[in-house]
N, C-alpha and C. Protein backbone atom coordinates (compact mmCIF):
# COMPACT_ATOMS: atom_id res chain seq x y z
N MET A 1 13.98 30.41 -16.39
CA MET A 1 12.90 29.65 -15.65
C MET A 1 13.33 28.43 -15.15
N GLN A 2 13.06 28.16 -14.03
CA GLN A 2 13.51 26.61 -13.72
C GLN A 2 12.10 25.74 -13.98
N TRP A 3 12.56 24.50 -14.07
CA TRP A 3 11.57 23.57 -14.35
C TRP A 3 11.55 22.36 -13.32
N HIS A 4 10.40 21.80 -13.26
CA HIS A 4 10.34 20.42 -12.46
C HIS A 4 9.70 19.41 -13.35
N ILE A 5 9.76 18.33 -12.83
CA ILE A 5 9.06 17.10 -13.75
C ILE A 5 7.99 16.48 -12.97
N ALA A 6 6.94 16.59 -13.85
CA ALA A 6 5.48 16.17 -13.06
C ALA A 6 5.24 14.63 -13.68
N GLN A 7 4.74 13.97 -12.75
CA GLN A 7 4.50 12.53 -13.40
C GLN A 7 2.78 12.21 -12.91
N LEU A 8 2.34 11.49 -13.58
CA LEU A 8 1.09 10.66 -13.54
C LEU A 8 1.16 9.52 -13.60
N ASN A 9 0.67 8.55 -12.79
CA ASN A 9 0.21 6.90 -13.24
C ASN A 9 -1.21 6.77 -12.91
N VAL A 10 -1.66 5.99 -13.59
CA VAL A 10 -3.43 5.71 -13.33
C VAL A 10 -3.54 4.26 -13.28
N GLY A 11 -4.43 3.54 -12.80
CA GLY A 11 -4.74 2.08 -12.82
C GLY A 11 -6.00 1.86 -12.09
N ARG A 12 -6.43 0.66 -12.49
CA ARG A 12 -7.81 0.34 -12.06
C ARG A 12 -7.50 -0.86 -11.21
N LEU A 13 -7.90 -0.52 -10.03
CA LEU A 13 -7.92 -1.72 -9.04
C LEU A 13 -8.89 -2.80 -9.49
N ILE A 14 -8.17 -4.19 -9.14
CA ILE A 14 -8.87 -5.22 -9.35
C ILE A 14 -10.15 -5.63 -8.32
N ALA A 15 -10.24 -4.95 -7.29
CA ALA A 15 -11.27 -4.84 -6.26
C ALA A 15 -11.26 -3.42 -5.69
N PRO A 16 -12.24 -3.24 -4.97
CA PRO A 16 -12.61 -1.93 -4.01
C PRO A 16 -11.31 -1.74 -2.88
N THR A 17 -11.15 -0.76 -2.82
CA THR A 17 -9.94 -0.65 -1.78
C THR A 17 -10.25 -1.21 -0.45
N ASP A 18 -11.42 -1.63 -0.06
CA ASP A 18 -11.24 -2.32 1.06
C ASP A 18 -11.68 -3.65 1.18
N SER A 19 -11.03 -4.20 -0.09
CA SER A 19 -11.22 -5.69 -0.39
C SER A 19 -9.88 -6.38 0.12
N PRO A 20 -10.00 -7.51 0.85
CA PRO A 20 -8.86 -8.35 1.10
C PRO A 20 -7.85 -8.73 -0.19
N ALA A 21 -8.54 -8.39 -1.36
CA ALA A 21 -7.51 -8.53 -2.65
C ALA A 21 -6.47 -7.72 -2.74
N VAL A 22 -6.74 -6.47 -2.07
CA VAL A 22 -5.87 -5.22 -2.47
C VAL A 22 -5.29 -5.02 -0.93
N THR A 23 -5.39 -5.52 0.00
CA THR A 23 -5.21 -5.27 1.55
C THR A 23 -3.52 -4.79 1.34
N ASP A 24 -2.65 -5.60 0.82
CA ASP A 24 -1.32 -5.38 0.83
C ASP A 24 -0.79 -4.10 0.38
N PHE A 25 -1.63 -4.04 -0.98
CA PHE A 25 -1.24 -2.58 -1.60
C PHE A 25 -1.81 -1.47 -0.50
N MET A 26 -2.96 -1.42 0.03
CA MET A 26 -3.28 -0.55 1.06
C MET A 26 -2.40 -0.19 1.90
N ALA A 27 -1.99 -1.43 2.49
CA ALA A 27 -0.99 -1.14 3.68
C ALA A 27 0.16 -0.86 3.36
N ALA A 28 0.78 -0.72 2.26
CA ALA A 28 1.98 -0.24 1.81
C ALA A 28 2.00 1.21 1.25
N LEU A 29 0.80 2.02 1.17
CA LEU A 29 0.90 3.11 0.93
C LEU A 29 1.26 4.18 1.95
N ASP A 30 1.35 4.16 3.25
CA ASP A 30 1.92 5.14 4.01
C ASP A 30 3.38 4.90 3.93
N ARG A 31 3.84 3.80 3.87
CA ARG A 31 5.37 3.68 3.87
C ARG A 31 5.95 4.15 2.54
N VAL A 32 5.25 3.78 1.60
CA VAL A 32 5.76 4.12 0.13
C VAL A 32 5.80 5.87 -0.12
N ASN A 33 4.50 6.41 0.51
CA ASN A 33 4.31 7.80 0.61
C ASN A 33 5.24 8.56 1.32
N ALA A 34 5.32 8.10 2.43
CA ALA A 34 6.57 8.56 3.40
C ALA A 34 8.07 8.59 2.75
N LEU A 35 8.26 7.50 2.00
CA LEU A 35 9.57 7.29 1.41
C LEU A 35 9.75 8.41 0.30
N ALA A 36 8.68 8.65 -0.61
CA ALA A 36 8.54 9.51 -1.60
C ALA A 36 8.89 10.96 -0.80
N ASP A 37 8.15 11.36 0.11
CA ASP A 37 8.18 12.44 0.89
C ASP A 37 9.52 12.76 1.39
N HIS A 38 10.44 12.07 1.46
CA HIS A 38 11.82 12.02 2.09
C HIS A 38 13.11 11.69 1.08
N SER A 39 12.30 11.62 -0.11
CA SER A 39 13.62 11.25 -1.35
C SER A 39 13.96 12.52 -1.67
N PRO A 40 15.38 12.33 -2.25
CA PRO A 40 16.11 13.72 -2.76
C PRO A 40 15.35 13.90 -4.27
N GLY A 41 15.20 15.30 -4.00
CA GLY A 41 14.41 15.87 -5.45
C GLY A 41 12.82 15.65 -5.22
N PHE A 42 12.37 15.16 -4.29
CA PHE A 42 10.84 15.25 -4.08
C PHE A 42 10.43 16.68 -3.97
N VAL A 43 9.29 17.06 -4.56
CA VAL A 43 8.62 18.25 -4.44
C VAL A 43 7.02 18.20 -4.11
N TRP A 44 6.28 17.42 -4.50
CA TRP A 44 5.01 17.54 -4.19
C TRP A 44 4.33 16.22 -4.44
N ARG A 45 3.20 15.80 -3.82
CA ARG A 45 2.32 14.75 -4.22
C ARG A 45 0.88 14.87 -4.35
N LEU A 46 0.05 14.53 -5.31
CA LEU A 46 -1.56 14.52 -4.76
C LEU A 46 -1.67 13.66 -3.67
N GLN A 47 -2.66 14.49 -2.64
CA GLN A 47 -3.06 13.90 -1.53
C GLN A 47 -4.29 14.27 -0.98
N SER A 48 -5.09 13.67 -0.58
CA SER A 48 -6.38 13.93 0.22
C SER A 48 -5.73 14.23 1.97
N ASP A 49 -6.83 14.35 2.94
CA ASP A 49 -6.77 14.60 3.81
C ASP A 49 -6.23 12.89 4.60
N SER A 50 -6.67 12.03 3.84
CA SER A 50 -5.99 10.56 4.08
C SER A 50 -4.49 10.49 4.13
N GLY A 51 -4.02 11.39 3.50
CA GLY A 51 -2.54 11.10 3.36
C GLY A 51 -2.02 10.68 1.94
N ASN A 52 -3.20 9.98 1.25
CA ASN A 52 -2.89 9.20 -0.15
C ASN A 52 -3.88 9.90 -0.96
N ALA A 53 -3.94 9.39 -2.26
CA ALA A 53 -4.82 9.83 -3.26
C ALA A 53 -6.16 8.68 -3.86
N THR A 54 -5.85 7.57 -2.96
CA THR A 54 -6.97 6.56 -3.34
C THR A 54 -8.31 7.06 -3.02
N ASP A 55 -8.40 8.03 -2.14
CA ASP A 55 -10.07 8.62 -2.29
C ASP A 55 -10.27 9.60 -3.01
N ILE A 56 -9.40 10.16 -4.24
CA ILE A 56 -9.77 11.29 -4.75
C ILE A 56 -10.17 10.42 -6.17
N GLN A 57 -11.46 11.00 -6.13
CA GLN A 57 -12.17 10.20 -7.29
C GLN A 57 -12.15 11.06 -8.73
N VAL A 58 -11.53 10.59 -9.68
CA VAL A 58 -11.52 11.29 -10.95
C VAL A 58 -12.46 10.86 -12.20
N SER A 59 -12.97 9.76 -11.61
CA SER A 59 -14.03 9.11 -12.86
C SER A 59 -15.11 8.60 -11.98
N ALA A 60 -16.00 8.15 -12.78
CA ALA A 60 -17.29 7.69 -12.11
C ALA A 60 -17.16 5.95 -11.61
N ASP A 61 -15.65 5.64 -12.02
CA ASP A 61 -15.38 4.39 -11.46
C ASP A 61 -14.42 4.53 -10.32
N PRO A 62 -14.96 3.92 -8.87
CA PRO A 62 -14.33 4.39 -7.80
C PRO A 62 -13.15 3.36 -7.77
N GLN A 63 -12.91 2.23 -8.62
CA GLN A 63 -11.64 1.54 -8.61
C GLN A 63 -10.59 2.19 -9.52
N PHE A 64 -10.88 3.33 -10.16
CA PHE A 64 -9.67 3.95 -10.99
C PHE A 64 -8.93 4.70 -10.19
N LEU A 65 -7.80 4.67 -10.02
CA LEU A 65 -6.71 5.28 -8.98
C LEU A 65 -5.85 5.96 -9.94
N VAL A 66 -5.50 7.36 -9.30
CA VAL A 66 -4.55 8.13 -9.79
C VAL A 66 -3.38 8.60 -8.68
N ASN A 67 -2.15 8.65 -9.47
CA ASN A 67 -1.14 8.94 -8.49
C ASN A 67 -0.23 10.21 -9.15
N MET A 68 0.15 11.02 -8.61
CA MET A 68 0.62 12.21 -9.27
C MET A 68 1.62 12.67 -8.37
N SER A 69 2.78 13.44 -8.78
CA SER A 69 3.79 13.76 -8.03
C SER A 69 4.59 14.81 -8.93
N VAL A 70 5.41 15.64 -8.23
CA VAL A 70 6.22 16.56 -8.87
C VAL A 70 7.68 16.51 -8.26
N TRP A 71 8.73 16.53 -9.06
CA TRP A 71 10.08 16.07 -8.57
C TRP A 71 10.89 17.33 -9.15
N GLN A 72 12.25 17.35 -8.81
CA GLN A 72 13.01 18.55 -9.15
C GLN A 72 13.74 18.03 -10.45
N SER A 73 13.75 16.78 -10.76
CA SER A 73 14.28 16.32 -12.07
C SER A 73 13.64 14.71 -12.36
N VAL A 74 14.07 14.29 -13.57
CA VAL A 74 13.80 13.02 -14.15
C VAL A 74 14.55 12.20 -13.17
N GLU A 75 15.50 12.55 -13.20
CA GLU A 75 16.38 11.33 -12.41
C GLU A 75 16.34 11.24 -11.03
N ALA A 76 15.75 12.11 -10.31
CA ALA A 76 15.41 11.96 -9.22
C ALA A 76 14.20 11.08 -9.06
N LEU A 77 13.14 11.31 -9.80
CA LEU A 77 11.88 10.57 -9.87
C LEU A 77 12.24 9.20 -10.33
N PHE A 78 13.43 8.91 -11.26
CA PHE A 78 13.70 7.77 -11.61
C PHE A 78 14.29 6.88 -10.53
N ASP A 79 15.11 7.51 -9.47
CA ASP A 79 15.69 6.77 -8.50
C ASP A 79 14.76 6.33 -7.59
N PHE A 80 13.79 7.15 -7.30
CA PHE A 80 12.74 6.90 -6.48
C PHE A 80 12.05 5.55 -6.96
N VAL A 81 11.40 5.74 -8.10
CA VAL A 81 10.93 4.65 -8.86
C VAL A 81 11.61 3.38 -8.96
N TYR A 82 12.67 3.31 -9.51
CA TYR A 82 13.44 2.03 -9.65
C TYR A 82 14.79 1.76 -9.03
N ARG A 83 14.88 2.69 -7.87
CA ARG A 83 16.15 2.54 -7.16
C ARG A 83 15.82 2.41 -5.54
N SER A 84 14.88 2.42 -5.27
CA SER A 84 14.39 2.53 -3.72
C SER A 84 13.50 1.15 -3.46
N SER A 85 13.19 1.35 -2.07
CA SER A 85 12.16 0.26 -1.89
C SER A 85 10.61 0.29 -2.34
N HIS A 86 10.56 1.39 -3.19
CA HIS A 86 9.19 1.54 -3.97
C HIS A 86 9.30 0.25 -4.86
N THR A 87 10.21 0.06 -5.36
CA THR A 87 10.35 -1.01 -6.45
C THR A 87 9.70 -2.24 -6.27
N LYS A 88 9.95 -2.80 -5.08
CA LYS A 88 9.39 -3.83 -4.65
C LYS A 88 7.95 -3.85 -4.70
N VAL A 89 7.31 -2.70 -4.29
CA VAL A 89 5.94 -2.75 -4.36
C VAL A 89 5.38 -2.56 -5.65
N MET A 90 6.01 -1.70 -6.60
CA MET A 90 5.65 -1.56 -7.96
C MET A 90 5.82 -2.76 -8.74
N MET A 91 6.60 -3.78 -8.36
CA MET A 91 6.87 -5.20 -9.22
C MET A 91 5.67 -5.95 -8.96
N ARG A 92 4.95 -5.74 -7.78
CA ARG A 92 3.57 -6.36 -7.40
C ARG A 92 2.26 -5.59 -8.05
N ARG A 93 2.25 -4.73 -9.01
CA ARG A 93 1.53 -3.92 -9.39
C ARG A 93 0.34 -4.64 -10.01
N ARG A 94 0.67 -5.84 -10.73
CA ARG A 94 0.00 -6.76 -11.56
C ARG A 94 -1.05 -7.61 -10.37
N ASP A 95 -0.55 -7.62 -9.35
CA ASP A 95 -1.35 -8.47 -8.13
C ASP A 95 -2.42 -7.53 -7.71
N TRP A 96 -2.47 -6.31 -7.88
CA TRP A 96 -3.72 -5.44 -7.44
C TRP A 96 -4.47 -4.52 -8.47
N PHE A 97 -3.66 -4.59 -9.58
CA PHE A 97 -4.19 -3.56 -10.83
C PHE A 97 -4.48 -4.33 -11.89
N GLU A 98 -5.54 -4.12 -12.60
CA GLU A 98 -6.02 -4.56 -13.91
C GLU A 98 -4.72 -4.52 -15.00
N GLN A 99 -4.23 -5.28 -15.81
CA GLN A 99 -3.45 -5.21 -16.95
C GLN A 99 -3.85 -3.98 -17.79
N PRO A 100 -2.97 -2.90 -18.04
CA PRO A 100 -3.55 -1.72 -18.64
C PRO A 100 -3.52 -2.03 -20.41
N ALA A 101 -4.33 -1.49 -20.96
CA ALA A 101 -4.35 -1.70 -22.50
C ALA A 101 -3.53 -0.66 -23.34
N GLN A 102 -3.64 0.37 -22.68
CA GLN A 102 -2.68 1.56 -23.09
C GLN A 102 -1.84 2.25 -22.22
N PRO A 103 -0.85 3.29 -22.23
CA PRO A 103 0.00 3.75 -21.35
C PRO A 103 -0.86 4.25 -20.04
N PHE A 104 -0.19 3.97 -19.23
CA PHE A 104 -0.72 4.58 -17.88
C PHE A 104 0.22 5.43 -16.90
N LEU A 105 1.20 5.72 -17.55
CA LEU A 105 2.26 6.62 -17.03
C LEU A 105 2.60 7.87 -17.82
N CYS A 106 2.88 8.87 -17.37
CA CYS A 106 3.22 9.98 -18.26
C CYS A 106 3.94 11.05 -17.48
N LEU A 107 4.82 11.46 -18.01
CA LEU A 107 5.77 12.67 -17.45
C LEU A 107 5.74 14.09 -18.51
N TRP A 108 5.74 15.17 -17.79
CA TRP A 108 5.91 16.49 -18.53
C TRP A 108 6.55 17.62 -17.65
N TRP A 109 6.90 18.58 -18.31
CA TRP A 109 7.84 19.69 -17.41
C TRP A 109 6.61 20.68 -17.12
N VAL A 110 6.88 21.04 -15.85
CA VAL A 110 6.08 22.13 -15.15
C VAL A 110 7.06 23.28 -14.85
N PRO A 111 6.56 24.35 -14.87
CA PRO A 111 7.40 25.68 -14.27
C PRO A 111 7.40 25.18 -12.61
N ALA A 112 8.63 25.58 -11.87
CA ALA A 112 9.10 25.19 -10.73
C ALA A 112 7.92 25.56 -9.61
N ASP A 113 7.15 26.85 -9.89
CA ASP A 113 6.08 27.23 -9.08
C ASP A 113 4.89 26.67 -9.39
N HIS A 114 4.69 25.75 -10.35
CA HIS A 114 3.45 25.26 -10.75
C HIS A 114 3.18 23.88 -10.15
N ILE A 115 2.03 23.63 -9.62
CA ILE A 115 1.37 22.39 -9.07
C ILE A 115 0.23 22.18 -9.96
N PRO A 116 0.56 20.93 -10.60
CA PRO A 116 -0.54 20.37 -11.80
C PRO A 116 -1.76 19.76 -11.28
N THR A 117 -2.81 20.17 -12.08
CA THR A 117 -4.11 19.75 -11.53
C THR A 117 -4.38 18.29 -11.95
N VAL A 118 -5.28 17.35 -11.43
CA VAL A 118 -5.80 16.27 -12.17
C VAL A 118 -6.12 16.24 -13.42
N ALA A 119 -6.92 17.22 -13.63
CA ALA A 119 -7.53 17.65 -15.39
C ALA A 119 -6.17 17.65 -16.22
N GLU A 120 -5.55 18.69 -15.73
CA GLU A 120 -4.08 18.79 -16.48
C GLU A 120 -3.30 17.24 -16.75
N ALA A 121 -3.08 16.74 -15.71
CA ALA A 121 -2.43 15.39 -15.68
C ALA A 121 -3.06 14.48 -16.74
N MET A 122 -4.59 14.53 -16.53
CA MET A 122 -5.38 13.40 -17.38
C MET A 122 -5.19 13.95 -18.98
N ALA A 123 -5.22 15.07 -19.12
CA ALA A 123 -5.13 15.54 -20.60
C ALA A 123 -3.77 15.51 -21.01
N ARG A 124 -2.66 15.28 -20.34
CA ARG A 124 -1.24 14.89 -20.85
C ARG A 124 -1.42 13.56 -21.28
N LEU A 125 -2.03 12.75 -20.09
CA LEU A 125 -1.99 11.10 -20.57
C LEU A 125 -2.75 11.20 -21.73
N ASP A 126 -3.74 11.73 -21.94
CA ASP A 126 -4.55 11.21 -23.09
C ASP A 126 -3.69 11.76 -24.46
N HIS A 127 -2.88 13.01 -24.14
CA HIS A 127 -2.10 13.26 -25.39
C HIS A 127 -1.24 12.23 -25.63
N LEU A 128 -0.40 11.62 -24.75
CA LEU A 128 0.57 10.49 -24.68
C LEU A 128 -0.13 9.28 -25.49
N ARG A 129 -1.29 8.89 -25.20
CA ARG A 129 -2.03 8.09 -25.74
C ARG A 129 -2.48 8.05 -27.12
N ALA A 130 -2.79 9.41 -27.54
CA ALA A 130 -2.96 9.78 -28.83
C ALA A 130 -2.04 9.77 -29.71
N HIS A 131 -0.84 10.29 -29.30
CA HIS A 131 0.35 10.69 -30.27
C HIS A 131 1.49 10.13 -29.83
N GLY A 132 1.49 9.28 -29.04
CA GLY A 132 3.16 8.75 -28.37
C GLY A 132 3.92 10.01 -27.91
N PRO A 133 5.16 9.49 -27.26
CA PRO A 133 5.84 10.33 -26.50
C PRO A 133 6.35 11.73 -27.70
N THR A 134 5.93 12.67 -26.99
CA THR A 134 6.41 14.07 -27.36
C THR A 134 6.94 14.88 -26.37
N ALA A 135 7.51 16.01 -26.55
CA ALA A 135 7.85 16.92 -25.53
C ALA A 135 6.79 17.16 -24.50
N HIS A 136 5.52 17.17 -25.00
CA HIS A 136 4.22 17.41 -24.37
C HIS A 136 3.89 16.51 -23.19
N ALA A 137 4.10 15.43 -23.60
CA ALA A 137 3.84 14.28 -22.59
C ALA A 137 4.63 12.91 -22.93
N PHE A 138 5.64 12.28 -22.07
CA PHE A 138 6.50 11.37 -22.48
C PHE A 138 6.61 10.53 -21.37
N GLY A 139 7.51 9.27 -21.30
CA GLY A 139 7.60 8.46 -20.19
C GLY A 139 9.18 8.18 -20.07
N PHE A 140 9.67 7.45 -19.21
CA PHE A 140 11.06 7.14 -19.02
C PHE A 140 11.75 6.69 -20.21
N ARG A 141 11.09 6.16 -20.98
CA ARG A 141 12.01 5.53 -22.13
C ARG A 141 12.58 6.50 -22.89
N GLU A 142 11.88 7.60 -23.07
CA GLU A 142 12.11 8.99 -24.22
C GLU A 142 11.94 10.00 -23.18
N LYS A 143 13.07 10.70 -22.80
CA LYS A 143 13.15 11.73 -22.05
C LYS A 143 13.37 12.99 -22.75
N TYR A 144 12.61 13.93 -22.70
CA TYR A 144 12.58 15.19 -23.24
C TYR A 144 13.15 16.13 -22.48
N PRO A 145 14.00 17.13 -22.84
CA PRO A 145 14.48 18.01 -21.84
C PRO A 145 13.50 19.15 -21.57
N ALA A 146 13.87 19.94 -20.44
CA ALA A 146 12.99 20.88 -19.87
C ALA A 146 12.99 22.01 -21.23
N PRO A 147 11.97 22.62 -21.33
CA PRO A 147 11.71 23.58 -22.33
C PRO A 147 12.70 24.64 -22.67
N ASP A 148 13.18 25.14 -21.74
CA ASP A 148 14.31 25.93 -21.83
C ASP A 148 15.77 25.58 -21.90
N ILE A 149 15.84 24.32 -21.88
CA ILE A 149 17.27 23.59 -21.90
C ILE A 149 17.45 23.19 -23.16
N GLY A 150 16.63 22.81 -24.18
CA GLY A 150 17.01 22.74 -25.52
C GLY A 150 17.56 21.26 -25.53
N GLY A 151 17.91 20.77 -26.80
CA GLY A 151 18.48 19.59 -27.10
C GLY A 151 17.51 18.78 -27.66
N THR A 152 17.98 17.38 -27.69
CA THR A 152 16.89 16.18 -28.19
C THR A 152 16.63 15.49 -27.12
N PRO A 153 15.64 14.57 -27.44
CA PRO A 153 15.28 13.55 -26.48
C PRO A 153 16.33 12.62 -25.95
N GLY A 154 16.53 12.21 -24.72
CA GLY A 154 17.34 11.46 -24.43
C GLY A 154 16.75 10.21 -23.91
N ASP A 155 17.54 9.17 -23.87
CA ASP A 155 17.18 7.59 -23.52
C ASP A 155 17.44 7.23 -22.05
N MET A 156 16.38 7.23 -21.37
CA MET A 156 16.69 6.67 -19.92
C MET A 156 15.71 5.60 -19.62
N LYS A 157 16.44 4.30 -19.65
CA LYS A 157 15.75 2.95 -19.52
C LYS A 157 15.66 2.63 -18.18
N PRO A 158 14.56 2.05 -17.83
CA PRO A 158 14.57 1.24 -16.48
C PRO A 158 15.60 0.19 -16.57
N GLU A 159 16.14 0.00 -15.21
CA GLU A 159 16.56 -1.28 -14.87
C GLU A 159 15.91 -2.68 -15.52
N PRO A 160 16.57 -3.52 -16.12
CA PRO A 160 16.09 -4.77 -17.00
C PRO A 160 14.97 -5.48 -16.19
N TYR A 161 14.89 -5.33 -15.02
CA TYR A 161 13.69 -6.01 -14.37
C TYR A 161 12.48 -5.38 -14.35
N CYS A 162 12.49 -4.00 -14.53
CA CYS A 162 11.49 -2.92 -14.68
C CYS A 162 11.00 -2.76 -16.23
N VAL A 163 11.49 -3.27 -16.86
CA VAL A 163 11.02 -3.13 -18.37
C VAL A 163 9.56 -3.72 -18.31
N GLY A 164 8.78 -2.68 -19.08
CA GLY A 164 7.34 -3.15 -18.91
C GLY A 164 6.52 -2.39 -18.17
N TRP A 165 7.04 -1.64 -17.08
CA TRP A 165 6.19 -1.14 -16.25
C TRP A 165 5.64 0.31 -16.59
N GLU A 166 6.15 0.79 -17.60
CA GLU A 166 5.74 2.13 -17.91
C GLU A 166 4.72 2.40 -19.12
């Protein structure tokens, strides 16, 4: 069986999506999403008819946003997150999102023909928050191999200026 890596990251905006406080974030979405769509190893991302996921409400809080995607490998996702122009936008995360009190990013393996649901992704994040990194849900710092590859967790750390973003 072939496997892909799914990712979820969540955050609560400091203001509604139409607020001047998050204008730069909203303005960057189309560019960052297009970059993802054309990045090596990209498979899929969550989006509505708007072309992004900011209007997909997963909780009663309209300022709680989710971002989900699927990639051919952890390395391809890592390169997009930390070695592309996405990094400049991500480095401003704290300008637009509240400081998280718990993990806000999780990775997990999915069969290559599977597109995860938001409910599945949120359950993985809940698992990570409750149990720490495991093969069921993990982050970039402790990469687990795909289920049929075997082996032990690897160590994939972000570049020094990205420490603390996961």
